[in-house]
Structures are given as structure tokens and as C-alpha cells.
Amino acid sequence: MKATIAVLCFIAAIAYSVGRLSEQQCRSPVPSSLCAPNAKPRKVWFFSNFTSKCESNDELWRRYKSTLKGKTS
């Protein structure tokens, strides 16, 4: 029960902090090093003119994770 409450509080904190980003913060450019061969993508928030909301690059993040699973060392 305590673990469930802790997880809910954690999710609420994330939702609250994301909701606090202003449109100006989301619209500002974010430098990226995705062209580097050893670059690891990070979650970036941006303002979508299509939805008029602050969104993340979750789709790119999921693609990157799926490519890591397919690699063999």
C-alpha cells in the first residue's frame, strides 16, 4: 500500500512539474547532439503548434530503446 501511494505521489510530482512549463520555455530551442555517433538521446519537451500543448519526444525515445534491445554485444 505504501509503495502504491509513493508511486502515485511520484507520478503526480512529474505531472505537476511538466504542467508548470510555460509556453515560452517549451518554445525555446534546445541544443541536441543526435548527430554524434555516441550520442544518447534525452527526453526533450517542446511546444507543439499542432496541439498547442507542451509535448515530449517520447516516440523518438521509444525507437531508440527498441534499437538498443536489438543490438548484440
C-alpha atoms as a PDB file:
ATOM      1  CA  MET A   1       0.000   0.000   0.000  1.00  0.00           C
ATOM      2  CA  LYS A   2       2.815   2.406   0.886  1.00  0.00           C
ATOM      3  CA  ALA A   3       4.564   1.634  -2.385  1.00  0.00           C
ATOM      4  CA  THR A   4       1.391   2.384  -4.344  1.00  0.00           C
ATOM      5  CA  ILE A   5       0.987   5.732  -2.605  1.00  0.00           C
ATOM      6  CA  ALA A   6       4.654   6.544  -3.218  1.00  0.00           C
ATOM      7  CA  VAL A   7       4.290   5.774  -6.936  1.00  0.00           C
ATOM      8  CA  LEU A   8       1.157   7.915  -7.189  1.00  0.00           C
ATOM      9  CA  CYS A   9       2.932  10.812  -5.463  1.00  0.00           C
ATOM     10  CA  PHE A  10       5.882  10.441  -7.835  1.00  0.00           C
ATOM     11  CA  ILE A  11       3.619  10.485 -10.905  1.00  0.00           C
ATOM     12  CA  ALA A  12       1.726  13.487  -9.538  1.00  0.00           C
ATOM     13  CA  ALA A  13       5.006  15.349  -8.972  1.00  0.00           C
ATOM     14  CA  ILE A  14       6.113  14.690 -12.549  1.00  0.00           C
ATOM     15  CA  ALA A  15       2.749  15.778 -13.950  1.00  0.00           C
ATOM     16  CA  TYR A  16       2.855  18.923 -11.813  1.00  0.00           C
ATOM     17  CA  SER A  17       6.376  19.869 -12.894  1.00  0.00           C
ATOM     18  CA  VAL A  18       5.592  19.294 -16.581  1.00  0.00           C
ATOM     19  CA  GLY A  19       2.416  21.319 -16.260  1.00  0.00           C
ATOM     20  CA  ARG A  20       4.421  24.211 -14.847  1.00  0.00           C
ATOM     21  CA  LEU A  21       6.474  24.649 -18.009  1.00  0.00           C
ATOM     22  CA  SER A  22       5.434  27.840 -19.717  1.00  0.00           C
ATOM     23  CA  GLU A  23       4.767  28.103 -23.420  1.00  0.00           C
ATOM     24  CA  GLN A  24       7.883  30.273 -23.705  1.00  0.00           C
ATOM     25  CA  GLN A  25      10.015  27.563 -22.064  1.00  0.00           C
ATOM     26  CA  CYS A  26       8.619  24.915 -24.392  1.00  0.00           C
ATOM     27  CA  ARG A  27       9.126  27.057 -27.496  1.00  0.00           C
ATOM     28  CA  SER A  28      12.750  27.922 -26.722  1.00  0.00           C
ATOM     29  CA  PRO A  29      15.283  25.968 -28.794  1.00  0.00           C
ATOM     30  CA  VAL A  30      17.095  23.072 -27.145  1.00  0.00           C
ATOM     31  CA  PRO A  31      20.549  22.051 -28.372  1.00  0.00           C
ATOM     32  CA  SER A  32      20.872  18.451 -29.461  1.00  0.00           C
ATOM     33  CA  SER A  33      23.810  16.180 -30.256  1.00  0.00           C
ATOM     34  CA  LEU A  34      21.880  13.423 -32.018  1.00  0.00           C
ATOM     35  CA  CYS A  35      24.308  13.531 -34.950  1.00  0.00           C
ATOM     36  CA  ALA A  36      27.216  12.308 -32.842  1.00  0.00           C
ATOM     37  CA  PRO A  37      27.760   8.546 -33.193  1.00  0.00           C
ATOM     38  CA  ASN A  38      27.863   8.015 -29.429  1.00  0.00           C
ATOM     39  CA  ALA A  39      25.103  10.477 -28.514  1.00  0.00           C
ATOM     40  CA  LYS A  40      22.392   9.226 -26.189  1.00  0.00           C
ATOM     41  CA  PRO A  41      19.024  10.916 -26.674  1.00  0.00           C
ATOM     42  CA  ARG A  42      17.319  12.535 -23.734  1.00  0.00           C
ATOM     43  CA  LYS A  43      13.720  13.409 -23.159  1.00  0.00           C
ATOM     44  CA  VAL A  44      13.120  16.904 -24.531  1.00  0.00           C
ATOM     45  CA  TRP A  45       9.938  18.905 -24.059  1.00  0.00           C
ATOM     46  CA  PHE A  46       8.716  21.174 -26.848  1.00  0.00           C
ATOM     47  CA  PHE A  47       5.647  23.228 -27.697  1.00  0.00           C
ATOM     48  CA  SER A  48       3.596  21.689 -30.486  1.00  0.00           C
ATOM     49  CA  ASN A  49       1.803  24.216 -32.688  1.00  0.00           C
ATOM     50  CA  PHE A  50      -0.431  21.383 -33.878  1.00  0.00           C
ATOM     51  CA  THR A  51      -1.843  20.543 -30.426  1.00  0.00           C
ATOM     52  CA  SER A  52      -0.981  23.830 -28.653  1.00  0.00           C
ATOM     53  CA  LYS A  53       0.491  21.771 -25.812  1.00  0.00           C
ATOM     54  CA  CYS A  54       3.865  21.062 -24.308  1.00  0.00           C
ATOM     55  CA  GLU A  55       4.869  17.572 -25.514  1.00  0.00           C
ATOM     56  CA  SER A  56       7.898  15.308 -25.246  1.00  0.00           C
ATOM     57  CA  ASN A  57       9.870  13.362 -27.808  1.00  0.00           C
ATOM     58  CA  ASP A  58       8.526  10.037 -26.490  1.00  0.00           C
ATOM     59  CA  GLU A  59       8.263   8.476 -29.933  1.00  0.00           C
ATOM     60  CA  LEU A  60      11.965   9.041 -30.668  1.00  0.00           C
ATOM     61  CA  TRP A  61      12.806   7.781 -27.177  1.00  0.00           C
ATOM     62  CA  ARG A  62      10.860   4.548 -27.760  1.00  0.00           C
ATOM     63  CA  ARG A  63      12.576   3.986 -31.122  1.00  0.00           C
ATOM     64  CA  TYR A  64      15.998   4.444 -29.540  1.00  0.00           C
ATOM     65  CA  LYS A  65      15.209   1.964 -26.760  1.00  0.00           C
ATOM     66  CA  SER A  66      13.954  -0.604 -29.268  1.00  0.00           C
ATOM     67  CA  THR A  67      17.195  -0.345 -31.266  1.00  0.00           C
ATOM     68  CA  LEU A  68      19.202  -0.978 -28.101  1.00  0.00           C
ATOM     69  CA  LYS A  69      17.258  -4.172 -27.426  1.00  0.00           C
ATOM     70  CA  GLY A  70      18.096  -5.454 -30.900  1.00  0.00           C
ATOM     71  CA  LYS A  71      21.862  -4.933 -30.527  1.00  0.00           C
ATOM     72  CA  THR A  72      24.076  -7.837 -29.574  1.00  0.00           C
ATOM     73  CA  SER A  73      27.469  -7.321 -27.956  1.00  0.00           C
END
